[in-house]
């Protein structure tokens, strides 16, 4: 089963959902604002993809929290991400025990094939 994590109002999530439906791929959608990713799974995601890729440093949540000029450790950033999962780069897709992040249609297609 494919799991798509994000927020339903996000344009990239809408685009990814349309792509998955176009490819006739069954998936489960998880709204991270209502059902946050558990800490152990989020640590797995960060270990696979890298904290710098998982955190959307150009997004409104990151800016709202004023994190740009703060000198935070990776663990401090991770703890903020755990609480503010709207900062996760989208889309975030899980297939088996692997994860994909970012809006690259061809990359997503290859990841899911």
N, C-alpha and C. Protein backbone atom coordinates (compact mmCIF):
# COMPACT_ATOMS: atom_id res chain seq x y z
N UNK A 1 0.84 -1.19 0.00
CA UNK A 1 0.00 0.00 0.00
C UNK A 1 0.88 1.25 0.00
N UNK A 2 0.46 2.21 -0.77
CA UNK A 2 1.13 3.50 -0.87
C UNK A 2 0.47 4.45 0.14
N UNK A 3 1.29 5.21 0.85
CA UNK A 3 0.77 6.22 1.77
C UNK A 3 1.30 7.58 1.32
N UNK A 4 0.40 8.52 1.22
CA UNK A 4 0.74 9.89 0.86
C UNK A 4 0.49 10.77 2.09
N UNK A 5 1.54 11.45 2.55
CA UNK A 5 1.45 12.33 3.72
C UNK A 5 1.43 13.77 3.26
N UNK A 6 0.62 14.58 3.91
CA UNK A 6 0.59 16.00 3.58
C UNK A 6 -0.59 16.69 4.20
N UNK A 7 -0.96 17.82 3.63
CA UNK A 7 -2.15 18.56 4.04
C UNK A 7 -3.04 18.71 2.81
N UNK A 8 -4.35 18.52 2.97
CA UNK A 8 -5.23 18.48 1.80
C UNK A 8 -5.30 19.76 1.00
N UNK A 9 -4.98 20.90 1.60
CA UNK A 9 -5.08 22.17 0.88
C UNK A 9 -3.85 22.48 0.04
N UNK A 10 -2.80 21.68 0.18
CA UNK A 10 -1.54 21.93 -0.53
C UNK A 10 -1.69 21.62 -2.03
N UNK A 11 -1.25 22.54 -2.86
CA UNK A 11 -1.32 22.36 -4.31
C UNK A 11 -0.51 21.15 -4.77
N UNK A 12 0.66 20.93 -4.18
CA UNK A 12 1.50 19.79 -4.56
C UNK A 12 0.83 18.47 -4.18
N UNK A 13 0.12 18.46 -3.07
CA UNK A 13 -0.61 17.26 -2.66
C UNK A 13 -1.76 17.00 -3.64
N UNK A 14 -2.46 18.02 -4.01
CA UNK A 14 -3.55 17.86 -5.00
C UNK A 14 -3.01 17.31 -6.31
N UNK A 15 -1.88 17.85 -6.74
CA UNK A 15 -1.26 17.40 -7.98
C UNK A 15 -0.80 15.94 -7.87
N UNK A 16 -0.25 15.57 -6.72
CA UNK A 16 0.20 14.19 -6.51
C UNK A 16 -0.98 13.24 -6.45
N UNK A 17 -2.05 13.64 -5.80
CA UNK A 17 -3.25 12.79 -5.74
C UNK A 17 -3.79 12.55 -7.15
N UNK A 18 -3.82 13.60 -7.96
CA UNK A 18 -4.29 13.47 -9.34
C UNK A 18 -3.38 12.51 -10.11
N UNK A 19 -2.07 12.62 -9.91
CA UNK A 19 -1.11 11.73 -10.58
C UNK A 19 -1.35 10.27 -10.16
N UNK A 20 -1.51 10.03 -8.87
CA UNK A 20 -1.75 8.67 -8.39
C UNK A 20 -3.04 8.10 -8.96
N UNK A 21 -4.07 8.92 -9.04
CA UNK A 21 -5.33 8.47 -9.61
C UNK A 21 -5.19 8.22 -11.10
N UNK A 22 -4.46 9.07 -11.79
CA UNK A 22 -4.21 8.89 -13.23
C UNK A 22 -3.47 7.57 -13.48
N UNK A 23 -2.53 7.23 -12.58
CA UNK A 23 -1.76 6.00 -12.71
C UNK A 23 -2.52 4.79 -12.15
N UNK A 24 -3.73 5.02 -11.66
CA UNK A 24 -4.58 3.97 -11.08
C UNK A 24 -3.88 3.26 -9.92
N UNK A 25 -3.26 4.05 -9.05
CA UNK A 25 -2.54 3.53 -7.89
C UNK A 25 -3.38 3.79 -6.64
N UNK A 26 -3.70 2.71 -5.93
CA UNK A 26 -4.42 2.83 -4.66
C UNK A 26 -3.47 3.43 -3.63
N UNK A 27 -3.98 4.33 -2.83
CA UNK A 27 -3.14 4.95 -1.80
C UNK A 27 -4.01 5.37 -0.63
N UNK A 28 -3.34 5.56 0.48
CA UNK A 28 -3.98 6.08 1.68
C UNK A 28 -3.41 7.48 1.89
N UNK A 29 -4.29 8.45 2.16
CA UNK A 29 -3.84 9.81 2.43
C UNK A 29 -3.86 10.06 3.93
N UNK A 30 -2.76 10.61 4.46
CA UNK A 30 -2.67 10.96 5.87
C UNK A 30 -2.43 12.46 5.98
N UNK A 31 -3.39 13.15 6.59
CA UNK A 31 -3.27 14.57 6.85
C UNK A 31 -2.40 14.74 8.10
N UNK A 32 -1.16 15.18 7.92
CA UNK A 32 -0.21 15.25 9.03
C UNK A 32 -0.59 16.27 10.10
N UNK A 33 -1.49 17.17 9.78
CA UNK A 33 -1.93 18.13 10.80
C UNK A 33 -2.95 17.49 11.73
N UNK A 34 -3.71 16.51 11.22
CA UNK A 34 -4.70 15.81 12.05
C UNK A 34 -4.14 14.52 12.63
N UNK A 35 -3.28 13.85 11.88
CA UNK A 35 -2.68 12.59 12.31
C UNK A 35 -1.17 12.68 12.09
N UNK A 36 -0.46 13.27 13.04
CA UNK A 36 0.99 13.44 12.87
C UNK A 36 1.71 12.11 12.72
N UNK A 37 2.81 12.14 12.01
CA UNK A 37 3.66 10.97 11.85
C UNK A 37 4.32 10.70 13.21
N UNK A 38 4.27 9.45 13.68
CA UNK A 38 4.91 9.14 14.97
C UNK A 38 6.42 9.41 14.93
N UNK A 39 6.99 9.70 16.10
CA UNK A 39 8.40 10.08 16.18
C UNK A 39 9.33 9.03 15.57
N UNK A 40 9.10 7.75 15.87
CA UNK A 40 10.00 6.72 15.35
C UNK A 40 9.96 6.65 13.82
N UNK A 41 8.78 6.81 13.25
CA UNK A 41 8.68 6.80 11.79
C UNK A 41 9.31 8.06 11.19
N UNK A 42 9.10 9.20 11.83
CA UNK A 42 9.69 10.44 11.33
C UNK A 42 11.22 10.36 11.38
N UNK A 43 11.76 9.73 12.42
CA UNK A 43 13.22 9.53 12.50
C UNK A 43 13.70 8.64 11.35
N UNK A 44 12.93 7.62 11.00
CA UNK A 44 13.27 6.75 9.87
C UNK A 44 13.27 7.54 8.57
N UNK A 45 12.27 8.38 8.39
CA UNK A 45 12.17 9.22 7.18
C UNK A 45 13.39 10.13 7.08
N UNK A 46 13.72 10.79 8.17
CA UNK A 46 14.87 11.71 8.18
C UNK A 46 16.16 10.94 7.93
N UNK A 47 16.29 9.75 8.50
CA UNK A 47 17.50 8.94 8.28
C UNK A 47 17.65 8.56 6.81
N UNK A 48 16.54 8.25 6.15
CA UNK A 48 16.58 7.87 4.73
C UNK A 48 16.81 9.05 3.81
N UNK A 49 16.13 10.15 4.08
CA UNK A 49 16.10 11.26 3.12
C UNK A 49 16.98 12.44 3.50
N UNK A 50 17.29 12.60 4.78
CA UNK A 50 18.07 13.74 5.24
C UNK A 50 17.16 14.84 5.77
N UNK A 51 17.54 15.40 6.89
CA UNK A 51 16.75 16.44 7.53
C UNK A 51 16.57 17.65 6.62
N UNK A 52 17.63 18.01 5.88
CA UNK A 52 17.56 19.18 5.00
C UNK A 52 16.53 19.00 3.88
N UNK A 53 16.28 17.77 3.45
CA UNK A 53 15.26 17.53 2.41
C UNK A 53 13.86 17.44 3.01
N UNK A 54 13.77 16.90 4.22
CA UNK A 54 12.46 16.71 4.84
C UNK A 54 11.86 18.04 5.29
N UNK A 55 12.69 18.94 5.76
CA UNK A 55 12.18 20.26 6.20
C UNK A 55 12.07 21.19 5.00
N UNK A 56 10.88 21.74 4.82
CA UNK A 56 10.65 22.72 3.76
C UNK A 56 11.01 24.09 4.31
N UNK A 57 12.26 24.47 4.10
CA UNK A 57 12.75 25.74 4.65
C UNK A 57 12.24 26.96 3.88
N UNK A 58 11.50 26.73 2.79
CA UNK A 58 10.95 27.85 2.03
C UNK A 58 9.46 28.01 2.30
N UNK A 59 8.91 27.12 3.12
CA UNK A 59 7.47 27.15 3.37
C UNK A 59 7.05 28.15 4.43
N UNK A 60 5.74 28.40 4.50
CA UNK A 60 5.21 29.40 5.44
C UNK A 60 5.41 29.03 6.91
N UNK A 61 5.34 27.76 7.25
CA UNK A 61 5.50 27.37 8.66
C UNK A 61 6.92 27.66 9.13
N UNK A 62 7.90 27.33 8.30
CA UNK A 62 9.31 27.58 8.63
C UNK A 62 9.54 29.08 8.83
N UNK A 63 8.99 29.86 7.91
CA UNK A 63 9.15 31.32 8.00
C UNK A 63 8.42 31.87 9.22
N UNK A 64 7.20 31.37 9.46
CA UNK A 64 6.41 31.85 10.59
C UNK A 64 7.13 31.61 11.92
N UNK A 65 7.83 30.50 12.01
CA UNK A 65 8.56 30.17 13.23
C UNK A 65 9.90 30.90 13.34
N UNK A 66 10.29 31.60 12.27
CA UNK A 66 11.52 32.38 12.28
C UNK A 66 12.78 31.54 12.44
N UNK A 67 12.83 30.39 11.78
CA UNK A 67 13.94 29.45 11.96
C UNK A 67 15.16 29.75 11.10
N UNK A 68 15.00 30.62 10.11
CA UNK A 68 16.08 30.86 9.15
C UNK A 68 17.40 31.27 9.80
N UNK A 69 17.37 32.18 10.71
CA UNK A 69 18.60 32.72 11.29
C UNK A 69 18.95 32.14 12.66
N UNK A 70 18.22 31.10 13.05
CA UNK A 70 18.52 30.47 14.34
C UNK A 70 19.56 29.39 14.12
N UNK A 71 20.48 29.28 15.03
CA UNK A 71 21.55 28.28 14.94
C UNK A 71 21.12 27.06 15.76
N UNK A 72 20.28 26.22 15.16
CA UNK A 72 19.72 25.07 15.87
C UNK A 72 20.45 23.79 15.48
N UNK A 73 20.58 22.89 16.42
CA UNK A 73 21.16 21.58 16.13
C UNK A 73 20.13 20.76 15.34
N UNK A 74 20.60 19.68 14.72
CA UNK A 74 19.69 18.80 13.99
C UNK A 74 18.60 18.26 14.91
N UNK A 75 18.96 17.91 16.13
CA UNK A 75 17.97 17.38 17.07
C UNK A 75 16.94 18.45 17.44
N UNK A 76 17.37 19.69 17.62
CA UNK A 76 16.43 20.76 17.92
C UNK A 76 15.48 20.99 16.74
N UNK A 77 16.03 20.97 15.52
CA UNK A 77 15.19 21.10 14.33
C UNK A 77 14.22 19.94 14.22
N UNK A 78 14.71 18.73 14.50
CA UNK A 78 13.85 17.55 14.44
C UNK A 78 12.69 17.68 15.43
N UNK A 79 12.96 18.13 16.63
CA UNK A 79 11.90 18.28 17.64
C UNK A 79 10.85 19.31 17.19
N UNK A 80 11.29 20.37 16.53
CA UNK A 80 10.34 21.36 15.99
C UNK A 80 9.53 20.72 14.88
N UNK A 81 10.19 19.97 14.00
CA UNK A 81 9.50 19.28 12.90
C UNK A 81 8.46 18.30 13.44
N UNK A 82 8.81 17.59 14.49
CA UNK A 82 7.89 16.63 15.10
C UNK A 82 6.60 17.31 15.54
N UNK A 83 6.72 18.52 16.06
CA UNK A 83 5.54 19.27 16.54
C UNK A 83 4.85 20.04 15.41
N UNK A 84 5.62 20.46 14.41
CA UNK A 84 5.09 21.30 13.32
C UNK A 84 5.24 20.55 11.99
N UNK A 85 4.43 19.49 11.81
CA UNK A 85 4.61 18.65 10.63
C UNK A 85 4.13 19.30 9.34
N UNK A 86 3.54 20.46 9.44
CA UNK A 86 3.24 21.23 8.24
C UNK A 86 4.51 21.69 7.55
N UNK A 87 5.66 21.58 8.22
CA UNK A 87 6.97 21.97 7.65
C UNK A 87 7.56 20.88 6.76
N UNK A 88 6.93 19.72 6.70
CA UNK A 88 7.48 18.62 5.89
C UNK A 88 7.34 18.97 4.42
N UNK A 89 8.40 18.79 3.68
CA UNK A 89 8.37 19.00 2.24
C UNK A 89 7.33 18.06 1.64
N UNK A 90 6.59 18.55 0.68
CA UNK A 90 5.53 17.74 0.07
C UNK A 90 5.76 17.57 -1.41
N UNK A 91 5.28 16.46 -1.93
CA UNK A 91 4.65 15.34 -1.25
C UNK A 91 5.67 14.43 -0.56
N UNK A 92 5.21 13.72 0.45
CA UNK A 92 5.97 12.66 1.10
C UNK A 92 5.20 11.38 0.85
N UNK A 93 5.85 10.42 0.20
CA UNK A 93 5.20 9.17 -0.19
C UNK A 93 5.95 8.00 0.42
N UNK A 94 5.18 7.06 0.94
CA UNK A 94 5.76 5.84 1.51
C UNK A 94 5.32 4.65 0.67
N UNK A 95 6.29 3.82 0.31
CA UNK A 95 6.01 2.56 -0.39
C UNK A 95 6.83 1.50 0.32
N UNK A 96 6.16 0.57 0.99
CA UNK A 96 6.89 -0.42 1.76
C UNK A 96 7.63 0.26 2.90
N UNK A 97 8.95 0.08 2.93
CA UNK A 97 9.74 0.74 3.97
C UNK A 97 10.63 1.84 3.39
N UNK A 98 10.27 2.31 2.18
CA UNK A 98 11.03 3.38 1.53
C UNK A 98 10.16 4.63 1.40
N UNK A 99 10.84 5.78 1.31
CA UNK A 99 10.14 7.06 1.23
C UNK A 99 10.64 7.87 0.04
N UNK A 100 9.75 8.68 -0.49
CA UNK A 100 10.06 9.63 -1.56
C UNK A 100 9.57 10.99 -1.09
N UNK A 101 10.33 12.03 -1.41
CA UNK A 101 9.89 13.37 -1.05
C UNK A 101 10.16 14.32 -2.20
N UNK A 102 9.21 15.23 -2.46
CA UNK A 102 9.39 16.26 -3.48
C UNK A 102 8.51 16.03 -4.70
N UNK A 103 8.17 17.11 -5.36
CA UNK A 103 7.28 17.06 -6.52
C UNK A 103 8.08 16.93 -7.80
N UNK A 104 8.37 15.70 -8.16
CA UNK A 104 9.05 15.36 -9.40
C UNK A 104 8.26 14.19 -10.00
N UNK A 105 7.38 14.51 -10.95
CA UNK A 105 6.47 13.49 -11.47
C UNK A 105 7.19 12.25 -11.99
N UNK A 106 8.25 12.45 -12.77
CA UNK A 106 8.98 11.30 -13.31
C UNK A 106 9.65 10.50 -12.19
N UNK A 107 10.21 11.19 -11.22
CA UNK A 107 10.81 10.52 -10.08
C UNK A 107 9.78 9.73 -9.29
N UNK A 108 8.60 10.30 -9.10
CA UNK A 108 7.53 9.61 -8.39
C UNK A 108 7.11 8.36 -9.16
N UNK A 109 6.96 8.49 -10.47
CA UNK A 109 6.57 7.33 -11.28
C UNK A 109 7.60 6.21 -11.15
N UNK A 110 8.87 6.55 -11.22
CA UNK A 110 9.92 5.54 -11.09
C UNK A 110 9.91 4.93 -9.69
N UNK A 111 9.73 5.75 -8.67
CA UNK A 111 9.69 5.28 -7.29
C UNK A 111 8.56 4.27 -7.09
N UNK A 112 7.42 4.54 -7.71
CA UNK A 112 6.24 3.70 -7.51
C UNK A 112 6.20 2.46 -8.42
N UNK A 113 7.05 2.43 -9.44
CA UNK A 113 7.00 1.29 -10.37
C UNK A 113 7.72 0.08 -9.83
